[in-house]
Protein backbone atom coordinates (compact mmCIF):
# COMPACT_ATOMS: atom_id res chain seq x y z
CA UNK A 1 109.77 162.28 103.50
CA UNK A 2 109.59 159.60 100.83
CA UNK A 3 112.61 159.41 98.59
CA UNK A 4 112.09 159.33 94.86
CA UNK A 5 113.25 155.87 93.72
CA UNK A 6 114.68 157.43 90.58
CA UNK A 7 116.50 160.22 92.44
CA UNK A 8 119.87 158.47 92.56
CA UNK A 9 119.63 156.76 89.18
CA UNK A 10 122.54 157.42 86.86
CA UNK A 11 121.18 159.02 83.65
CA UNK A 12 121.66 157.19 80.39
CA UNK A 13 124.34 158.41 77.96
CA UNK A 14 123.13 160.86 75.28
CA UNK A 15 121.49 159.10 72.37
CA UNK A 16 120.63 160.25 68.86
CA UNK A 17 117.08 159.34 67.95
CA UNK A 18 115.91 157.59 64.82
CA UNK A 19 114.44 160.82 63.48
CA UNK A 20 117.68 162.74 64.11
CA UNK A 21 119.74 160.13 62.24
CA UNK A 22 117.29 160.38 59.35
CA UNK A 23 117.63 164.17 59.31
CA UNK A 24 121.42 163.92 59.39
CA UNK A 25 121.38 161.47 56.49
CA UNK A 26 119.15 163.79 54.41
CA UNK A 27 121.26 166.83 55.35
CA UNK A 28 124.53 165.19 54.35
CA UNK A 29 122.91 163.92 51.16
CA UNK A 30 121.85 167.45 50.26
CA UNK A 31 125.33 168.81 51.04
CA UNK A 32 126.81 166.00 48.94
CA UNK A 33 124.62 166.88 45.97
CA UNK A 34 125.59 170.55 46.23
CA UNK A 35 129.22 169.61 46.72
CA UNK A 36 129.26 167.34 43.67
CA UNK A 37 127.59 170.00 41.52
CA UNK A 38 130.18 172.64 42.49
CA UNK A 39 132.96 170.08 42.18
CA UNK A 40 131.78 169.13 38.68
CA UNK A 41 131.77 172.76 37.61
CA UNK A 42 135.11 173.46 39.29
CA UNK A 43 136.84 170.42 37.74
CA UNK A 44 135.45 170.33 34.22
CA UNK A 45 135.47 174.06 33.54
CA UNK A 46 139.10 174.58 34.47
CA UNK A 47 140.08 174.76 30.77
CA UNK A 48 143.22 172.70 31.18
CA UNK A 49 143.44 168.90 31.23
CA UNK A 50 146.34 168.87 33.67
CA UNK A 51 144.57 171.30 35.98
CA UNK A 52 141.37 169.27 35.61
CA UNK A 53 143.26 166.15 36.71
CA UNK A 54 144.83 167.89 39.68
CA UNK A 55 141.48 169.32 40.80
CA UNK A 56 139.76 165.94 40.47
CA UNK A 57 142.44 164.29 42.61
CA UNK A 58 142.17 167.08 45.18
CA UNK A 59 138.37 166.90 45.44
CA UNK A 60 138.06 163.07 45.54
CA UNK A 61 138.80 162.63 49.31
CA UNK A 62 136.15 165.18 50.18
CA UNK A 63 133.59 163.43 47.98
CA UNK A 64 134.42 160.09 49.59
CA UNK A 65 134.04 161.65 53.02
CA UNK A 66 130.61 163.06 52.16
CA UNK A 67 129.57 159.66 50.78
CA UNK A 68 130.85 157.92 53.95
CA UNK A 69 128.93 160.32 56.18
CA UNK A 70 125.72 159.77 54.22
CA UNK A 71 126.23 155.97 54.33
CA UNK A 72 127.01 156.01 58.06
CA UNK A 73 123.93 158.10 58.91
CA UNK A 74 121.72 155.91 56.70
CA UNK A 75 123.01 152.68 58.30
CA UNK A 76 122.55 154.11 61.81
CA UNK A 77 119.02 155.24 60.95
CA UNK A 78 118.11 151.82 59.48
CA UNK A 79 119.68 150.04 62.48
CA UNK A 80 117.64 152.04 64.98
CA UNK A 81 114.53 151.55 62.85
CA UNK A 82 115.13 147.78 62.71
CA UNK A 83 115.78 147.68 66.47
CA UNK A 84 112.51 149.56 67.07
CA UNK A 85 110.61 147.14 64.86
CA UNK A 86 112.15 144.13 66.60
CA UNK A 87 111.33 145.62 69.98
CA UNK A 88 107.76 146.17 68.84
CA UNK A 89 107.52 142.60 67.56
CA UNK A 90 108.93 141.35 70.86
CA UNK A 91 106.28 143.31 72.76
CA UNK A 92 103.62 141.87 70.47
CA UNK A 93 104.91 138.33 71.03
CA UNK A 94 105.00 138.88 74.80
CA UNK A 95 101.47 140.21 74.72
CA UNK A 96 100.29 137.26 72.65
CA UNK A 97 102.09 134.88 75.04
CA UNK A 98 100.36 136.49 78.03
CA UNK A 99 97.04 136.21 76.23
CA UNK A 100 97.62 132.53 75.47
CA UNK A 101 98.72 131.90 79.06
CA UNK A 102 95.60 133.61 80.34
CA UNK A 103 93.43 131.55 77.97
CA UNK A 104 95.22 128.38 79.16
CA UNK A 105 94.55 129.33 82.80
CA UNK A 106 90.91 129.94 81.99
CA UNK A 107 90.69 126.62 80.15
CA UNK A 108 92.39 124.82 83.07
CA UNK A 109 89.95 126.39 85.52
CA UNK A 110 87.03 125.43 83.30
CA UNK A 111 88.42 121.91 82.83
CA UNK A 112 88.83 121.55 86.60
CA UNK A 113 85.27 122.75 87.13
CA UNK A 114 84.03 120.22 84.57
CA UNK A 115 85.93 117.41 86.27
CA UNK A 116 84.42 118.32 89.63
CA UNK A 117 80.97 118.11 88.06
CA UNK A 118 81.76 114.75 86.43
CA UNK A 119 83.05 113.39 89.76
CA UNK A 120 79.97 114.58 91.63
CA UNK A 121 77.62 113.24 88.97
CA UNK A 122 79.42 109.89 88.88
CA UNK A 123 79.24 109.56 92.67
CA UNK A 124 75.54 110.42 92.57
CA UNK A 125 74.75 107.89 89.83
CA UNK A 126 76.64 104.93 91.33
CA UNK A 127 74.68 105.44 94.55
CA UNK A 128 71.70 104.12 92.58
CA UNK A 129 73.21 100.64 92.44
CA UNK A 130 69.85 98.91 92.11
CA UNK A 131 69.24 100.85 88.90
CA UNK A 132 71.74 99.18 86.62
CA UNK A 133 71.60 101.76 83.82
CA UNK A 134 72.26 104.65 86.20
CA UNK A 135 75.03 102.77 87.99
CA UNK A 136 76.71 101.98 84.67
CA UNK A 137 76.43 105.64 83.66
CA UNK A 138 78.10 106.62 86.95
CA UNK A 139 80.91 104.12 86.37
CA UNK A 140 81.39 105.52 82.86
CA UNK A 141 81.65 109.05 84.29
CA UNK A 142 84.30 108.00 86.79
CA UNK A 143 86.11 106.02 84.11
CA UNK A 144 86.24 109.21 82.02
CA UNK A 145 88.26 110.89 84.78
CA UNK A 146 90.63 107.92 84.86
CA UNK A 147 91.08 108.09 81.08
CA UNK A 148 92.00 111.78 81.36
CA UNK A 149 95.18 110.77 83.17
CA UNK A 150 96.71 111.07 86.62
CA UNK A 151 95.16 113.85 88.71
CA UNK A 152 93.52 114.24 92.13
CA UNK A 153 90.16 113.72 90.40
CA UNK A 154 91.32 110.45 88.83
CA UNK A 155 92.51 109.22 92.24
CA UNK A 156 89.18 110.15 93.85
CA UNK A 157 87.37 108.38 91.01
CA UNK A 158 89.51 105.28 91.65
CA UNK A 159 88.60 105.43 95.37
CA UNK A 160 84.88 105.63 94.53
CA UNK A 161 85.14 102.73 92.07
CA UNK A 162 86.95 100.62 94.68
CA UNK A 163 84.38 101.34 97.37
CA UNK A 164 81.56 100.59 94.94
CA UNK A 165 83.18 97.29 93.92
CA UNK A 166 83.36 96.18 97.56
CA UNK A 167 79.64 96.90 97.83
CA UNK A 168 78.63 95.01 94.68
CA UNK A 169 81.16 92.23 94.15
CA UNK A 170 79.71 88.74 94.21
CA UNK A 171 76.07 89.85 94.14
CA UNK A 172 74.42 88.04 91.25
CA UNK A 173 71.99 90.85 90.46
CA UNK A 174 74.91 93.29 90.12
CA UNK A 175 77.28 91.22 87.99
CA UNK A 176 77.14 93.68 85.07
CA UNK A 177 77.94 96.52 87.43
CA UNK A 178 80.87 94.64 89.00
CA UNK A 179 82.34 93.75 85.61
CA UNK A 180 82.16 97.40 84.52
CA UNK A 181 83.91 98.51 87.72
CA UNK A 182 86.65 95.90 87.30
CA UNK A 183 87.23 97.09 83.71
CA UNK A 184 87.56 100.70 84.94
CA UNK A 185 89.91 99.65 87.75
CA UNK A 186 92.02 97.75 85.23
CA UNK A 187 92.54 101.05 83.43
CA UNK A 188 93.54 102.54 86.78
CA UNK A 189 96.15 99.82 87.19
CA UNK A 190 97.40 100.21 83.61
CA UNK A 191 97.91 103.97 84.13
CA UNK A 192 99.33 103.56 87.66
CA UNK A 193 96.39 105.35 89.31
CA UNK A 194 96.08 103.42 92.56
CA UNK A 195 93.18 103.79 95.00
CA UNK A 196 94.04 105.01 98.47
CA UNK A 197 91.72 102.65 100.35
CA UNK A 198 92.02 99.05 101.50
CA UNK A 199 89.79 96.51 99.83
CA UNK A 200 87.81 94.06 101.96
CA UNK A 201 85.74 91.55 99.97
CA UNK A 202 83.45 88.92 101.45
CA UNK A 203 82.58 85.83 99.43
CA UNK A 204 80.61 82.67 100.21
CA UNK A 205 81.21 81.35 103.73
CA UNK A 206 79.37 78.03 103.62
CA UNK A 207 81.50 75.02 102.74
CA UNK A 208 79.30 74.09 99.78
CA UNK A 209 79.58 77.60 98.32
CA UNK A 210 83.25 78.30 99.02
CA UNK A 211 84.33 76.70 95.74
CA UNK A 212 83.20 79.80 93.84
CA UNK A 213 86.38 81.35 92.49
CA UNK A 214 87.47 84.91 93.05
CA UNK A 215 88.19 86.77 89.83
CA UNK A 216 91.15 89.10 89.48
CA UNK A 217 90.69 92.42 91.34
CA UNK A 218 92.92 95.11 89.77
CA UNK A 219 94.49 98.26 91.25
CA UNK A 220 93.22 97.98 94.84
CA UNK A 221 95.97 97.72 97.44
CA UNK A 222 95.97 95.76 100.73
CA UNK A 223 93.24 93.33 99.73
CA UNK A 224 91.44 91.19 102.30
CA UNK A 225 89.45 88.23 100.94
CA UNK A 226 87.00 86.41 103.17
CA UNK A 227 85.54 83.15 101.88
CA UNK A 228 85.49 81.86 98.31
CA UNK A 229 88.30 80.17 96.36
CA UNK A 230 91.46 81.29 94.59
CA UNK A 231 93.17 79.53 91.72
CA UNK A 232 96.92 79.66 91.23
CA UNK A 233 96.87 82.25 88.41
CA UNK A 234 94.66 84.74 90.23
CA UNK A 235 96.54 84.29 93.50
CA UNK A 236 99.89 84.85 91.81
CA UNK A 237 98.69 88.04 90.08
CA UNK A 238 97.39 89.52 93.34
CA UNK A 239 99.83 88.06 95.88
CA UNK A 240 101.83 91.28 96.33
CA UNK A 241 98.64 93.20 97.11
CA UNK A 242 96.98 90.65 99.40
CA UNK A 243 96.93 91.67 103.03
CA UNK A 244 94.85 88.83 104.48
CA UNK A 245 93.06 85.68 103.32
CA UNK A 246 90.47 84.29 105.71
CA UNK A 247 88.42 81.15 105.20
CA UNK A 248 89.61 80.92 101.57
CA UNK A 249 90.27 77.73 99.59
CA UNK A 250 93.51 78.02 97.56
CA UNK A 251 94.26 75.68 94.66
CA UNK A 252 97.67 74.70 93.20
CA UNK A 253 99.47 77.89 94.17
CA UNK A 254 103.07 78.48 95.21
CA UNK A 255 102.89 79.48 98.85
CA UNK A 256 105.41 81.35 100.93
CA UNK A 257 103.71 82.73 103.99
CA UNK A 258 106.16 84.20 106.49
CA UNK A 259 103.92 87.22 107.08
CA UNK A 260 100.95 85.30 108.52
CA UNK A 261 98.51 86.42 105.83
CA UNK A 262 96.37 83.28 106.05
CA UNK A 263 93.72 82.43 108.61
CA UNK A 264 91.47 79.34 108.55
CA UNK A 265 92.30 78.71 104.88
CA UNK A 266 92.47 75.41 103.02
CA UNK A 267 95.36 74.69 100.68
CA UNK A 268 94.73 72.06 98.00
CA UNK A 269 97.63 70.63 95.96
CA UNK A 270 99.77 73.67 96.62
CA UNK A 271 103.54 73.97 96.51
CA UNK A 272 104.68 75.13 99.96
CA UNK A 273 107.98 77.02 99.86
CA UNK A 274 107.93 78.44 103.38
CA UNK A 275 105.46 78.46 106.24
CA UNK A 276 105.53 79.43 109.88
CA UNK A 277 104.37 77.30 112.76
CA UNK A 278 101.33 79.49 113.43
CA UNK A 279 100.08 79.09 109.87
CA UNK A 280 100.42 75.32 110.11
CA UNK A 281 98.13 75.39 113.12
CA UNK A 282 95.69 78.00 111.75
CA UNK A 283 95.11 76.45 108.30
CA UNK A 284 94.48 73.10 106.63
CA UNK A 285 96.68 71.48 103.98
CA UNK A 286 95.55 68.79 101.52
CA UNK A 287 97.91 67.00 99.14
CA UNK A 288 100.48 69.78 99.33
CA UNK A 289 104.12 69.41 98.28
CA UNK A 290 106.48 70.51 101.10
CA UNK A 291 109.71 69.54 99.29
CA UNK A 292 112.63 71.71 100.46
CA UNK A 293 110.22 73.96 102.36
CA UNK A 294 111.44 76.11 105.24
CA UNK A 295 109.30 75.80 108.35
CA UNK A 296 109.67 78.64 110.83
CA UNK A 297 109.39 76.83 114.12
CA UNK A 298 110.48 77.62 117.65
CA UNK A 299 113.50 75.53 118.64
CA UNK A 300 111.75 74.57 121.88
CA UNK A 301 108.77 72.98 120.08
CA UNK A 302 108.65 69.22 120.58
CA UNK A 303 108.29 67.70 117.11
CA UNK A 304 106.91 64.42 118.40
CA UNK A 305 104.23 66.18 120.43
CA UNK A 306 103.33 68.26 117.39
CA UNK A 307 103.07 65.23 115.11
CA UNK A 308 100.82 63.43 117.61
CA UNK A 309 98.61 66.50 118.03
CA UNK A 310 98.53 67.75 114.45
CA UNK A 311 99.37 65.22 111.77
CA UNK A 312 100.05 66.67 108.28
CA UNK A 313 100.40 63.12 106.95
CA UNK A 314 96.74 62.24 107.25
CA UNK A 315 95.79 64.67 104.46
CA UNK A 316 98.43 63.28 102.09
CA UNK A 317 100.87 66.15 102.43
CA UNK A 318 104.27 64.95 101.22
CA UNK A 319 107.81 65.72 100.20
CA UNK A 320 109.81 64.33 97.29
CA UNK A 321 112.57 61.80 97.85
CA UNK A 322 115.64 63.28 99.51
CA UNK A 323 114.04 66.74 99.80
CA UNK A 324 112.29 66.88 103.19
CA UNK A 325 111.21 70.21 104.69
CA UNK A 326 113.58 71.74 107.22
CA UNK A 327 113.45 74.17 110.06
CA UNK A 328 115.41 77.37 109.70
CA UNK A 329 118.26 75.85 111.69
CA UNK A 330 118.50 73.02 109.14
CA UNK A 331 116.81 70.19 111.07
CA UNK A 332 114.77 67.76 108.97
CA UNK A 333 110.98 67.78 109.42
CA UNK A 334 110.49 64.56 107.45
CA UNK A 335 108.54 62.93 110.32
CA UNK A 336 105.74 65.49 109.86
CA UNK A 337 104.95 64.39 106.29
CA UNK A 338 104.69 61.45 103.94
CA UNK A 339 107.55 60.70 101.63
CA UNK A 340 106.63 60.49 97.95
CA UNK A 341 106.97 56.68 98.08
CA UNK A 342 104.65 56.46 101.11
CA UNK A 343 102.09 58.62 99.28
CA UNK A 344 102.17 56.30 96.28
CA UNK A 345 101.62 53.25 98.50
CA UNK A 346 98.70 55.00 100.21
CA UNK A 347 97.17 55.78 96.81
CA UNK A 348 97.64 52.16 95.68
CA UNK A 349 100.37 52.98 93.18
CA UNK A 350 103.78 51.40 92.60
CA UNK A 351 106.21 53.29 94.88
CA UNK A 352 109.05 52.83 92.36
CA UNK A 353 107.05 54.01 89.33
């Protein structure tokens, strides 16, 4: 047997309805009118002023009581009426709120559906990379999702733009496409919408072509650059996102490379702040300033053997007077490099100038 959920409910206290208060107010008003008519006759037709005064004083409390009852019933009736109206307005506001919430949900669902279509259309258009106009239209579609703000669709758009940039970067016939992608990715970076893929970019590998500079690549994390050249400004802007540089020429940059992010690179006129032994062997240094640099080197490594086998002095790498590079245990590595005075002599300049 199923119990009635309302079986054990405590009934509400008796309540007088709005209509009943209205009826009471009208009833007491009618009684008051009758009372005041009889009172008027009784008081003013007494024939004696003293008796008239006594009767008026005797009847006054009853008149006040009737008036109080009428006022009380009227106030109660108006209070219940006002409460009913407020309750009705509250129900109307709740209903309107639910309607607005439902409309918002419908709009969100429609907006999500539209974004899915834009993402699909953008992915379809950028696949036609040889057709510049279609590729640019696809980039514009994906850029629209980025402009709409952070969302899963914006992140997917950023991933597609990153993948497309890796496929087009450095190809002369797709320069317009690459520039458009970089502009869209810059908006990703400005709005903190970061792609979730690693960027691997391959530039010129031949020595004669490696001088072509990499331009700034925004947003993409864990960048690997193979070939090409980096200037100091571009390197500094991307250094926290660079995972690996291979066969890259680097110009005039501040280098600290304890994480072994360089392989077969050439450093020209760079300022070396720290370097490990493996990077010294795996890369080439030309005219670099090693003043006060820390060199991570195994204590068992024979410096003399290293200098004979791999001479940093021959490519004019140097340190300033009194500031030789040191190993992490504080030992001077001056014998690995030219002093600033020795460099000046080699270049035919006055060592004391």
